[in-house]
N, C-alpha and C. Protein backbone atom coordinates (compact mmCIF):
# COMPACT_ATOMS: atom_id res chain seq x y z
N MET A 1 53.82 -16.52 -4.71
CA MET A 1 53.96 -17.61 -5.59
C MET A 1 54.78 -17.17 -6.60
N PRO A 2 55.80 -18.44 -6.96
CA PRO A 2 56.65 -18.14 -8.24
C PRO A 2 56.29 -18.09 -9.48
N ARG A 3 56.78 -17.39 -10.49
CA ARG A 3 56.49 -17.35 -11.63
C ARG A 3 56.73 -18.27 -12.51
N VAL A 4 55.89 -18.54 -13.33
CA VAL A 4 56.07 -19.81 -14.22
C VAL A 4 57.14 -19.13 -15.61
N SER A 5 57.83 -19.83 -15.66
CA SER A 5 58.80 -19.29 -16.95
C SER A 5 58.36 -19.75 -18.25
N GLU A 6 58.49 -19.12 -18.88
CA GLU A 6 57.70 -18.68 -20.88
C GLU A 6 58.28 -20.09 -21.24
N GLN A 7 59.50 -20.93 -20.87
CA GLN A 7 59.66 -22.20 -21.56
C GLN A 7 58.88 -22.91 -20.69
N HIS A 8 58.54 -22.84 -19.56
CA HIS A 8 57.69 -23.82 -18.87
C HIS A 8 56.08 -24.09 -19.75
N LEU A 9 55.57 -22.68 -19.68
CA LEU A 9 54.34 -22.82 -20.56
C LEU A 9 54.41 -23.04 -22.09
N SER A 10 55.37 -22.83 -22.29
CA SER A 10 55.36 -23.35 -24.29
C SER A 10 55.71 -24.86 -24.19
N ALA A 11 56.28 -25.42 -23.08
CA ALA A 11 56.29 -26.96 -22.96
C ALA A 11 55.31 -27.71 -22.66
N ARG A 12 54.33 -26.72 -22.00
CA ARG A 12 52.73 -27.32 -21.23
C ARG A 12 51.89 -27.19 -22.51
N ARG A 13 52.28 -26.31 -22.90
CA ARG A 13 51.41 -26.16 -24.37
C ARG A 13 51.60 -27.34 -25.55
N ARG A 14 53.03 -27.35 -25.63
CA ARG A 14 53.12 -28.84 -26.69
C ARG A 14 52.47 -29.54 -26.11
N GLN A 15 52.83 -30.22 -24.81
CA GLN A 15 52.34 -31.51 -24.24
C GLN A 15 51.02 -31.54 -24.77
N ILE A 16 49.93 -30.76 -24.53
CA ILE A 16 48.54 -30.65 -24.50
C ILE A 16 48.35 -30.69 -26.24
N LEU A 17 49.28 -30.06 -26.97
CA LEU A 17 48.99 -30.37 -28.35
C LEU A 17 48.94 -31.51 -28.74
N GLU A 18 50.31 -32.14 -28.41
CA GLU A 18 50.84 -33.55 -29.01
C GLU A 18 49.48 -34.54 -28.23
N ALA A 19 49.31 -34.15 -26.73
CA ALA A 19 48.15 -35.20 -26.65
C ALA A 19 47.03 -34.80 -27.88
N ALA A 20 46.46 -33.96 -27.70
CA ALA A 20 45.35 -33.67 -28.61
C ALA A 20 45.59 -34.54 -29.97
N ARG A 21 46.55 -34.15 -30.75
CA ARG A 21 46.80 -34.99 -31.62
C ARG A 21 46.85 -36.44 -31.74
N ARG A 22 47.41 -36.98 -30.68
CA ARG A 22 47.13 -38.52 -30.41
C ARG A 22 45.72 -38.63 -30.91
N CYS A 23 44.99 -38.05 -29.83
CA CYS A 23 43.59 -38.20 -29.84
C CYS A 23 42.99 -38.05 -31.03
N PHE A 24 43.47 -37.12 -31.88
CA PHE A 24 42.57 -36.84 -33.15
C PHE A 24 42.68 -37.83 -34.25
N VAL A 25 43.89 -38.01 -33.88
CA VAL A 25 44.33 -39.45 -34.97
C VAL A 25 43.84 -40.70 -35.30
N ARG A 26 43.75 -40.94 -33.68
CA ARG A 26 43.03 -42.40 -32.92
C ARG A 26 41.60 -42.42 -33.04
N ASP A 27 41.01 -41.25 -32.76
CA ASP A 27 39.86 -40.95 -32.64
C ASP A 27 38.81 -40.33 -33.59
N GLY A 28 39.56 -39.53 -34.45
CA GLY A 28 38.70 -38.11 -34.94
C GLY A 28 38.39 -37.28 -34.24
N PHE A 29 38.50 -35.93 -34.66
CA PHE A 29 37.58 -34.83 -33.92
C PHE A 29 36.49 -35.00 -33.47
N HIS A 30 35.66 -35.61 -34.02
CA HIS A 30 34.21 -35.65 -33.33
C HIS A 30 33.99 -36.53 -32.50
N GLN A 31 35.16 -37.91 -32.26
CA GLN A 31 34.88 -38.50 -31.24
C GLN A 31 35.66 -38.45 -29.98
N THR A 32 36.61 -37.16 -30.47
CA THR A 32 37.47 -36.99 -28.91
C THR A 32 36.83 -35.54 -28.38
N SER A 33 36.84 -35.91 -26.94
CA SER A 33 36.06 -34.96 -26.02
C SER A 33 37.51 -34.29 -25.30
N MET A 34 37.17 -32.91 -24.95
CA MET A 34 38.18 -32.55 -24.03
C MET A 34 38.45 -33.16 -23.08
N GLN A 35 37.84 -34.21 -22.40
CA GLN A 35 37.92 -35.09 -21.17
C GLN A 35 39.09 -36.23 -22.10
N ASP A 36 38.83 -36.45 -22.86
CA ASP A 36 39.72 -37.56 -23.77
C ASP A 36 41.54 -36.60 -23.82
N VAL A 37 41.45 -35.41 -24.31
CA VAL A 37 42.43 -34.66 -23.97
C VAL A 37 42.94 -34.66 -23.12
N VAL A 38 42.34 -34.25 -22.00
CA VAL A 38 42.66 -34.07 -20.26
C VAL A 38 43.44 -35.50 -19.85
N LYS A 39 42.96 -36.34 -20.31
CA LYS A 39 43.43 -37.82 -19.88
C LYS A 39 44.70 -37.95 -20.35
N GLU A 40 44.69 -37.97 -21.67
CA GLU A 40 45.75 -38.28 -22.57
C GLU A 40 47.15 -37.04 -22.08
N ALA A 41 46.91 -36.30 -21.84
CA ALA A 41 47.76 -35.52 -21.42
C ALA A 41 48.37 -35.63 -20.24
N GLY A 42 47.47 -36.14 -19.40
CA GLY A 42 47.73 -36.19 -18.06
C GLY A 42 48.05 -35.11 -17.04
N LEU A 43 47.24 -34.20 -17.55
CA LEU A 43 47.05 -33.01 -16.51
C LEU A 43 45.72 -32.69 -16.13
N SER A 44 45.52 -31.97 -15.11
CA SER A 44 44.23 -31.28 -14.85
C SER A 44 43.14 -30.70 -15.66
N VAL A 45 41.96 -30.57 -15.53
CA VAL A 45 41.20 -30.11 -16.56
C VAL A 45 41.48 -28.41 -16.71
N GLY A 46 41.77 -27.95 -15.51
CA GLY A 46 42.10 -26.80 -15.30
C GLY A 46 43.33 -26.18 -16.02
N ALA A 47 44.28 -27.02 -16.16
CA ALA A 47 45.59 -26.95 -16.94
C ALA A 47 45.33 -26.76 -18.80
N VAL A 48 44.29 -27.50 -19.04
CA VAL A 48 44.30 -28.01 -19.95
C VAL A 48 43.44 -26.67 -20.55
N TYR A 49 42.36 -26.43 -20.07
CA TYR A 49 41.61 -25.52 -20.38
C TYR A 49 42.37 -24.05 -20.20
N ARG A 50 43.28 -23.95 -19.53
CA ARG A 50 43.93 -22.64 -19.38
C ARG A 50 44.40 -22.25 -20.50
N TYR A 51 44.84 -23.37 -21.35
CA TYR A 51 45.86 -22.76 -22.81
C TYR A 51 44.68 -23.35 -23.78
N PHE A 52 43.62 -24.05 -23.75
CA PHE A 52 42.58 -24.17 -24.95
C PHE A 52 41.31 -24.19 -24.28
N PRO A 53 40.75 -23.34 -24.69
CA PRO A 53 39.17 -23.13 -23.76
C PRO A 53 38.43 -23.93 -24.46
N SER A 54 38.33 -24.75 -25.96
CA SER A 54 37.70 -25.41 -26.52
C SER A 54 38.13 -26.55 -27.66
N LYS A 55 37.67 -27.29 -27.95
CA LYS A 55 38.27 -28.18 -28.94
C LYS A 55 38.78 -27.85 -29.98
N ASN A 56 38.04 -26.56 -30.68
CA ASN A 56 38.01 -25.83 -31.91
C ASN A 56 39.25 -25.32 -31.38
N ASP A 57 39.94 -24.61 -30.49
CA ASP A 57 41.02 -24.09 -30.07
C ASP A 57 42.15 -24.98 -30.31
N LEU A 58 41.95 -26.25 -30.02
CA LEU A 58 42.95 -27.33 -30.21
C LEU A 58 43.06 -27.60 -31.62
N ILE A 59 42.19 -27.54 -32.34
CA ILE A 59 41.96 -28.12 -33.63
C ILE A 59 42.79 -26.75 -34.31
N THR A 60 42.52 -25.51 -34.29
CA THR A 60 43.03 -24.37 -34.88
C THR A 60 44.33 -24.43 -34.41
N ALA A 61 45.01 -24.70 -33.38
CA ALA A 61 46.15 -24.75 -33.03
C ALA A 61 46.99 -25.61 -33.72
N ILE A 62 46.57 -26.77 -33.85
CA ILE A 62 47.42 -27.94 -34.51
C ILE A 62 47.50 -27.46 -36.12
N ALA A 63 46.34 -27.02 -36.46
CA ALA A 63 46.14 -26.97 -37.84
C ALA A 63 47.68 -26.04 -38.30
N GLN A 64 47.42 -24.71 -37.55
CA GLN A 64 48.51 -23.55 -37.28
C GLN A 64 50.10 -24.02 -37.57
N ALA A 65 50.23 -25.34 -36.44
CA ALA A 65 51.47 -25.92 -36.44
C ALA A 65 51.82 -26.24 -37.97
N VAL A 66 50.58 -27.01 -38.35
CA VAL A 66 51.29 -27.40 -39.67
C VAL A 66 51.29 -27.02 -40.51
N VAL A 67 50.47 -25.58 -40.78
CA VAL A 67 50.64 -24.49 -41.76
C VAL A 67 52.25 -24.27 -41.65
N GLY A 68 52.53 -23.42 -40.46
CA GLY A 68 53.80 -22.85 -40.15
C GLY A 68 55.14 -23.68 -40.74
N THR A 69 55.14 -25.01 -40.94
CA THR A 69 56.19 -25.70 -41.06
C THR A 69 56.08 -25.61 -42.51
N ALA A 70 54.99 -26.11 -43.62
CA ALA A 70 54.81 -25.84 -44.81
C ALA A 70 55.01 -24.64 -45.26
N ASP A 71 54.65 -23.67 -44.52
CA ASP A 71 54.80 -22.11 -44.99
C ASP A 71 56.16 -21.66 -45.44
N GLU A 72 56.89 -22.26 -44.38
CA GLU A 72 58.63 -22.21 -44.43
C GLU A 72 59.24 -22.76 -45.53
N ASN A 73 58.65 -24.25 -45.35
CA ASN A 73 59.36 -25.18 -46.26
C ASN A 73 59.04 -24.79 -48.09
N PHE A 74 57.77 -23.93 -48.04
CA PHE A 74 57.24 -23.96 -49.07
C PHE A 74 58.18 -22.48 -49.60
N ALA A 75 57.86 -21.47 -48.77
CA ALA A 75 58.52 -20.23 -49.14
C ALA A 75 60.26 -20.33 -49.40
N ASP A 76 60.96 -21.46 -48.81
CA ASP A 76 62.23 -21.51 -49.47
C ASP A 76 62.46 -22.17 -50.64
N LEU A 77 61.45 -23.01 -50.94
CA LEU A 77 61.32 -23.44 -52.65
C LEU A 77 60.94 -22.39 -53.45
N SER A 78 60.12 -21.44 -53.07
CA SER A 78 59.60 -20.54 -54.25
C SER A 78 60.96 -19.25 -54.36
N THR A 79 61.80 -19.28 -53.08
CA THR A 79 62.73 -18.00 -53.74
C THR A 79 64.30 -18.84 -53.72
N ALA A 80 64.49 -20.08 -53.88
CA ALA A 80 65.82 -20.47 -53.90
C ALA A 80 66.51 -19.73 -54.91
N ASP A 81 67.76 -19.50 -54.85
CA ASP A 81 68.66 -18.66 -55.72
C ASP A 81 69.67 -19.88 -56.49
N PRO A 82 69.63 -20.02 -57.81
CA PRO A 82 68.96 -19.47 -58.49
C PRO A 82 67.45 -20.26 -58.59
N PRO A 83 66.77 -20.13 -59.17
CA PRO A 83 65.17 -20.62 -59.38
C PRO A 83 65.49 -22.23 -59.43
N LEU A 84 64.33 -22.60 -59.14
CA LEU A 84 64.49 -24.18 -59.17
C LEU A 84 63.61 -24.42 -60.25
N PRO A 85 63.79 -25.48 -60.85
CA PRO A 85 62.96 -25.82 -62.30
C PRO A 85 61.56 -26.56 -61.51
N LEU A 86 60.72 -26.44 -61.88
CA LEU A 86 59.39 -26.54 -61.32
C LEU A 86 59.15 -27.97 -61.11
N THR A 87 59.66 -29.11 -61.78
CA THR A 87 59.67 -30.18 -60.86
C THR A 87 60.33 -30.50 -59.73
N ASP A 88 61.49 -29.75 -59.72
CA ASP A 88 62.17 -30.22 -58.78
C ASP A 88 61.69 -29.26 -57.36
N VAL A 89 60.62 -28.12 -57.89
CA VAL A 89 59.87 -27.47 -56.41
C VAL A 89 58.88 -28.52 -56.19
N LEU A 90 58.13 -29.35 -57.02
CA LEU A 90 56.99 -30.42 -56.96
C LEU A 90 57.82 -31.31 -55.94
N GLU A 91 59.12 -31.71 -56.41
CA GLU A 91 59.60 -33.03 -55.50
C GLU A 91 59.92 -32.62 -54.12
N ARG A 92 60.57 -31.35 -54.22
CA ARG A 92 60.88 -31.48 -52.65
C ARG A 92 59.69 -30.74 -52.01
N ALA A 93 58.82 -30.30 -52.14
CA ALA A 93 57.27 -30.21 -51.80
C ALA A 93 57.00 -31.65 -51.31
N LEU A 94 56.81 -32.60 -51.82
CA LEU A 94 56.74 -34.20 -51.96
C LEU A 94 57.43 -34.62 -50.97
N THR A 95 58.83 -34.33 -50.72
CA THR A 95 59.51 -35.04 -49.89
C THR A 95 59.10 -34.45 -48.51
N PHE A 96 59.05 -32.99 -48.16
CA PHE A 96 58.22 -32.43 -47.32
C PHE A 96 57.04 -33.17 -46.76
N VAL A 97 56.06 -33.49 -47.43
CA VAL A 97 55.14 -34.19 -47.42
C VAL A 97 55.35 -35.51 -47.06
N ASP A 98 56.06 -36.43 -47.46
CA ASP A 98 56.34 -37.50 -46.73
C ASP A 98 56.49 -37.80 -45.80
N ALA A 99 57.18 -36.73 -44.89
CA ALA A 99 57.75 -36.75 -43.59
C ALA A 99 56.74 -36.27 -42.50
N GLN A 100 55.64 -35.67 -43.16
CA GLN A 100 54.32 -35.22 -42.59
C GLN A 100 52.87 -36.78 -42.63
N LEU A 101 53.54 -37.55 -43.20
CA LEU A 101 52.58 -38.68 -43.35
C LEU A 101 52.70 -39.74 -42.49
N GLY A 102 53.97 -39.95 -41.91
CA GLY A 102 54.05 -41.12 -40.84
C GLY A 102 53.45 -40.80 -39.46
N PRO A 103 53.62 -41.80 -38.74
CA PRO A 103 52.85 -41.84 -37.34
C PRO A 103 52.68 -40.75 -36.52
N ASP A 104 53.74 -39.89 -36.43
CA ASP A 104 54.37 -38.56 -35.95
C ASP A 104 53.83 -37.26 -36.85
N GLY A 105 53.56 -37.99 -38.03
CA GLY A 105 53.38 -36.77 -38.97
C GLY A 105 51.90 -36.14 -38.76
N VAL A 106 51.60 -34.95 -39.12
CA VAL A 106 50.14 -34.22 -39.13
C VAL A 106 49.43 -34.36 -40.35
N LEU A 107 50.06 -34.52 -41.44
CA LEU A 107 49.01 -34.38 -42.66
C LEU A 107 47.92 -35.41 -42.33
N PRO A 108 47.78 -36.45 -41.86
CA PRO A 108 46.31 -37.51 -41.86
C PRO A 108 44.99 -36.45 -40.98
N LEU A 109 45.55 -35.30 -40.27
CA LEU A 109 44.78 -34.61 -39.79
C LEU A 109 44.31 -33.62 -40.92
N ALA A 110 44.98 -33.18 -41.69
CA ALA A 110 44.41 -32.09 -42.67
C ALA A 110 43.18 -32.79 -43.51
N LEU A 111 42.76 -33.78 -43.56
CA LEU A 111 41.53 -34.24 -44.04
C LEU A 111 40.63 -33.93 -42.96
N GLN A 112 40.98 -33.97 -41.56
CA GLN A 112 39.80 -33.92 -40.99
C GLN A 112 39.57 -32.47 -40.63
N VAL A 113 40.88 -31.44 -40.61
CA VAL A 113 40.54 -30.40 -40.90
C VAL A 113 39.65 -29.61 -41.90
N TRP A 114 40.11 -30.28 -43.29
CA TRP A 114 39.32 -30.02 -44.25
C TRP A 114 37.88 -30.12 -43.76
N SER A 115 37.53 -31.06 -43.24
CA SER A 115 36.22 -31.59 -43.10
C SER A 115 35.29 -30.61 -42.39
N GLU A 116 36.25 -30.35 -41.14
CA GLU A 116 35.65 -29.46 -40.07
C GLU A 116 35.49 -28.11 -40.22
N ALA A 117 36.43 -27.49 -41.63
CA ALA A 117 35.89 -26.28 -42.16
C ALA A 117 35.17 -26.06 -42.73
N GLN A 118 34.24 -27.23 -43.20
CA GLN A 118 33.01 -26.77 -44.10
C GLN A 118 31.90 -26.65 -42.96
N ARG A 119 31.76 -26.76 -41.38
CA ARG A 119 31.14 -26.54 -40.65
C ARG A 119 31.32 -25.44 -39.54
N ASP A 120 32.43 -25.08 -39.57
CA ASP A 120 33.02 -24.11 -38.52
C ASP A 120 33.59 -22.73 -39.33
N PRO A 121 32.71 -21.81 -39.42
CA PRO A 121 32.99 -20.63 -40.22
C PRO A 121 34.65 -20.03 -39.69
N VAL A 122 35.36 -19.60 -38.53
CA VAL A 122 36.31 -19.35 -38.25
C VAL A 122 37.32 -20.46 -38.61
N LEU A 123 37.44 -21.64 -38.59
CA LEU A 123 38.05 -22.62 -38.91
C LEU A 123 38.10 -22.29 -40.65
N ALA A 124 36.88 -22.66 -41.21
CA ALA A 124 37.13 -22.27 -42.76
C ALA A 124 37.59 -20.57 -43.38
N GLU A 125 37.90 -19.95 -42.47
CA GLU A 125 38.32 -18.62 -42.93
C GLU A 125 39.65 -18.96 -42.67
N PHE A 126 40.30 -19.53 -41.96
CA PHE A 126 41.65 -19.69 -41.49
C PHE A 126 42.35 -21.14 -42.62
N VAL A 127 41.53 -21.75 -43.17
CA VAL A 127 41.74 -22.95 -43.80
C VAL A 127 41.96 -22.11 -45.43
N ALA A 128 41.11 -21.50 -45.66
CA ALA A 128 41.22 -20.31 -46.96
C ALA A 128 42.31 -19.63 -46.91
N ALA A 129 42.33 -18.86 -45.98
CA ALA A 129 43.38 -17.77 -46.05
C ALA A 129 45.26 -18.86 -46.03
N THR A 130 45.02 -19.92 -45.47
CA THR A 130 46.17 -20.68 -45.38
C THR A 130 46.48 -21.21 -46.60
N TYR A 131 45.64 -21.91 -47.27
CA TYR A 131 45.92 -22.40 -48.33
C TYR A 131 46.09 -21.39 -49.69
N THR A 132 45.82 -20.00 -49.64
CA THR A 132 45.52 -19.49 -50.64
C THR A 132 47.12 -18.57 -50.44
N ARG A 133 47.91 -18.41 -49.20
CA ARG A 133 49.12 -18.31 -49.08
C ARG A 133 50.07 -19.29 -49.28
N LEU A 134 49.62 -20.46 -49.12
CA LEU A 134 50.46 -21.93 -49.69
C LEU A 134 50.58 -21.75 -51.08
N ARG A 135 49.97 -21.55 -51.87
CA ARG A 135 49.65 -21.62 -53.38
C ARG A 135 50.28 -20.26 -53.64
N GLY A 136 50.34 -19.28 -53.10
CA GLY A 136 50.94 -18.17 -53.51
C GLY A 136 52.65 -18.46 -53.63
N HIS A 137 52.81 -19.22 -52.89
CA HIS A 137 54.74 -19.75 -52.80
C HIS A 137 54.69 -20.34 -54.36
N PHE A 138 53.79 -21.16 -54.84
CA PHE A 138 53.96 -22.04 -56.10
C PHE A 138 53.63 -21.05 -57.13
N VAL A 139 52.95 -20.05 -56.68
CA VAL A 139 52.82 -18.97 -58.23
C VAL A 139 54.21 -18.32 -57.92
N THR A 140 54.99 -17.52 -57.45
CA THR A 140 55.91 -17.30 -56.98
C THR A 140 57.07 -17.97 -57.86
N ALA A 141 56.87 -19.53 -57.41
CA ALA A 141 58.18 -20.24 -58.44
C ALA A 141 57.62 -20.35 -59.51
N ALA A 142 56.50 -20.21 -60.09
CA ALA A 142 56.26 -20.24 -61.49
C ALA A 142 56.45 -18.92 -62.53
N ARG A 143 56.16 -17.76 -61.80
CA ARG A 143 56.94 -16.36 -62.16
C ARG A 143 58.14 -16.57 -62.38
N ARG A 144 58.98 -16.96 -61.22
CA ARG A 144 60.35 -17.22 -61.34
C ARG A 144 60.63 -18.02 -62.74
N ALA A 145 59.99 -19.39 -62.67
CA ALA A 145 60.47 -20.46 -63.94
C ALA A 145 59.98 -19.55 -65.38
N ARG A 146 59.11 -18.66 -65.33
CA ARG A 146 58.80 -18.08 -66.63
C ARG A 146 59.94 -17.37 -66.87
N ASP A 147 60.04 -16.51 -65.97
CA ASP A 147 61.04 -15.40 -65.73
C ASP A 147 62.85 -16.24 -66.24
N ALA A 148 62.70 -17.28 -65.83
CA ALA A 148 64.38 -18.03 -66.30
C ALA A 148 64.13 -18.64 -67.95
N GLY A 149 63.13 -18.61 -67.77
CA GLY A 149 62.67 -19.14 -69.63
C GLY A 149 62.23 -20.58 -69.48
N GLU A 150 61.92 -21.25 -68.30
CA GLU A 150 61.40 -22.55 -68.08
C GLU A 150 60.13 -22.86 -68.48
N LEU A 151 59.37 -21.56 -68.63
CA LEU A 151 57.96 -21.63 -69.10
C LEU A 151 57.81 -20.02 -70.45
N PRO A 152 56.93 -20.84 -71.08
CA PRO A 152 56.83 -19.86 -72.13
C PRO A 152 56.51 -18.30 -71.69
N PRO A 153 56.99 -17.13 -72.19
CA PRO A 153 56.66 -15.76 -71.69
C PRO A 153 55.14 -15.43 -71.77
N GLU A 154 54.07 -16.27 -72.18
CA GLU A 154 52.52 -16.05 -72.18
C GLU A 154 52.18 -16.80 -71.05
N ALA A 155 52.99 -17.72 -70.70
CA ALA A 155 52.32 -18.66 -69.43
C ALA A 155 51.58 -17.98 -68.06
N ASP A 156 50.84 -18.09 -67.49
CA ASP A 156 49.94 -17.25 -66.51
C ASP A 156 50.53 -17.86 -64.94
N PRO A 157 51.45 -16.91 -64.26
CA PRO A 157 52.22 -17.72 -63.32
C PRO A 157 51.05 -17.99 -62.09
N ALA A 158 49.81 -17.65 -62.07
CA ALA A 158 48.87 -18.00 -61.18
C ALA A 158 48.13 -19.25 -61.63
N ALA A 159 47.89 -19.18 -62.71
CA ALA A 159 47.36 -20.90 -63.16
C ALA A 159 48.22 -22.08 -62.96
N VAL A 160 49.55 -21.66 -63.69
CA VAL A 160 50.66 -22.54 -63.31
C VAL A 160 50.91 -22.89 -61.77
N GLY A 161 50.78 -21.86 -61.11
CA GLY A 161 51.29 -22.16 -59.46
C GLY A 161 50.00 -23.15 -59.16
N ALA A 162 48.79 -22.59 -59.41
CA ALA A 162 48.01 -22.92 -58.57
C ALA A 162 47.58 -24.60 -58.81
N ALA A 163 47.94 -25.02 -60.33
CA ALA A 163 47.74 -26.19 -60.66
C ALA A 163 48.83 -27.24 -60.25
N LEU A 164 50.46 -26.70 -59.88
CA LEU A 164 51.20 -27.04 -59.10
C LEU A 164 50.97 -27.45 -57.71
N PHE A 165 50.63 -26.09 -57.22
CA PHE A 165 50.14 -26.62 -55.56
C PHE A 165 49.26 -27.63 -55.50
N GLY A 166 48.03 -27.68 -56.39
CA GLY A 166 47.12 -28.82 -56.49
C GLY A 166 47.43 -30.34 -56.44
N LEU A 167 48.79 -30.37 -57.00
CA LEU A 167 49.29 -31.83 -57.25
C LEU A 167 50.09 -32.08 -56.10
N VAL A 168 50.17 -31.22 -54.69
CA VAL A 168 50.77 -31.45 -53.46
C VAL A 168 49.61 -32.23 -52.57
N PRO A 169 48.33 -31.77 -52.34
CA PRO A 169 47.43 -32.39 -51.43
C PRO A 169 46.70 -33.65 -52.11
N GLY A 170 46.85 -33.29 -53.61
CA GLY A 170 46.14 -34.54 -54.55
C GLY A 170 47.75 -35.89 -54.08
N TYR A 171 48.51 -35.42 -53.90
CA TYR A 171 49.67 -36.74 -53.76
C TYR A 171 49.63 -37.33 -52.27
N PHE A 172 49.14 -36.01 -51.21
CA PHE A 172 49.06 -36.77 -50.02
C PHE A 172 47.62 -37.29 -49.51
N THR A 173 46.62 -36.58 -50.17
CA THR A 173 45.37 -37.38 -50.34
C THR A 173 45.20 -39.06 -50.37
N GLN A 174 45.49 -39.38 -51.59
CA GLN A 174 45.86 -40.62 -52.44
C GLN A 174 46.58 -41.12 -51.19
N ARG A 175 47.87 -40.62 -51.01
CA ARG A 175 48.84 -41.53 -49.86
C ARG A 175 48.04 -42.22 -48.37
N ILE A 176 46.97 -40.70 -48.11
CA ILE A 176 46.00 -41.11 -46.95
C ILE A 176 45.16 -41.85 -47.25
N LEU A 177 44.39 -42.08 -47.98
CA LEU A 177 43.44 -42.84 -48.46
C LEU A 177 43.60 -44.27 -49.33
N THR A 178 44.78 -44.29 -49.59
CA THR A 178 44.61 -45.55 -50.23
C THR A 178 46.06 -46.38 -50.16
N GLY A 179 47.15 -45.19 -49.41
CA GLY A 179 48.48 -45.70 -49.16
C GLY A 179 49.33 -45.84 -50.61
N SER A 180 48.96 -45.56 -51.40
CA SER A 180 49.38 -45.29 -52.95
C SER A 180 49.34 -44.03 -53.70
N PRO A 181 50.00 -43.68 -54.78
CA PRO A 181 51.11 -44.03 -55.39
C PRO A 181 52.29 -43.53 -54.30
N ASP A 182 53.66 -44.22 -54.45
CA ASP A 182 54.58 -43.70 -53.91
C ASP A 182 55.22 -42.46 -54.24
N ARG A 183 56.55 -41.90 -53.97
CA ARG A 183 56.58 -40.24 -54.37
C ARG A 183 57.31 -40.61 -55.69
N ALA A 184 57.96 -41.58 -55.82
CA ALA A 184 58.74 -41.75 -56.91
C ALA A 184 57.83 -42.15 -58.33
N THR A 185 56.67 -42.48 -58.17
CA THR A 185 55.81 -42.96 -58.96
C THR A 185 55.08 -41.64 -59.54
N TYR A 186 54.42 -40.86 -58.36
CA TYR A 186 53.69 -39.92 -58.60
C TYR A 186 54.70 -38.67 -59.10
N LEU A 187 55.93 -38.77 -58.93
CA LEU A 187 56.97 -37.72 -59.72
C LEU A 187 57.30 -37.86 -61.12
N ALA A 188 57.00 -39.35 -61.13
CA ALA A 188 57.37 -39.68 -62.67
C ALA A 188 55.78 -39.08 -63.39
N GLY A 189 54.89 -39.52 -63.12
CA GLY A 189 53.99 -38.91 -63.63
C GLY A 189 53.89 -37.35 -63.76
N ALA A 190 54.13 -36.95 -63.06
CA ALA A 190 54.19 -35.32 -62.78
C ALA A 190 54.93 -34.82 -63.91
N ARG A 191 55.91 -35.11 -63.89
CA ARG A 191 57.03 -34.94 -65.03
C ARG A 191 56.70 -35.10 -66.02
N THR A 192 55.91 -35.99 -66.85
CA THR A 192 55.61 -36.56 -67.86
C THR A 192 54.51 -35.30 -67.99
N LEU A 193 53.50 -35.02 -66.98
CA LEU A 193 52.60 -33.85 -67.61
C LEU A 193 53.25 -32.57 -67.96
N LEU A 194 54.06 -32.52 -66.99
CA LEU A 194 54.74 -31.31 -66.92
C LEU A 194 55.85 -30.79 -68.01
N ARG A 195 55.73 -31.53 -69.14
CA ARG A 195 56.72 -31.45 -70.13
C ARG A 195 56.18 -30.62 -71.09
């Protein structure tokens, strides 16, 4: 029997994850069954279960994909040379968020992941570790801003970074739930607060 290439395995995995994402966006985690994902992917039951033995495995894999791109993006913001002003860090983070809010974006699933994490200890541990790591990028940006003189010397980078990071999910939660405010309006308010 011929050996299946790593490229083929990776493409199949992406196909299943994309099918699951469509199902979850359309019907929610609890209303989506593994059979729904199998049907959406157009694959056999065995093919889907080979990659993802449970729905929780699919949810975690989708969450990891979202986090991977956010982690790279936020790491770049926190290590830019020269250090970015904190309002620029926020603006660029929200630009990334906007790209993930559309019909092919993955942030609408974030609210479902948060909800699911309240009842699934494994997912809760993943979410806590993830948000701690993402917040760390904003803490680094705040430390660098303080060292560059943008913040007073007594400013606590952990406190500033936590508050700045909190503005990101605050923005996308409002956008998902109410459709507003737009990025320019939100940034104008944030800039006023950050003066």
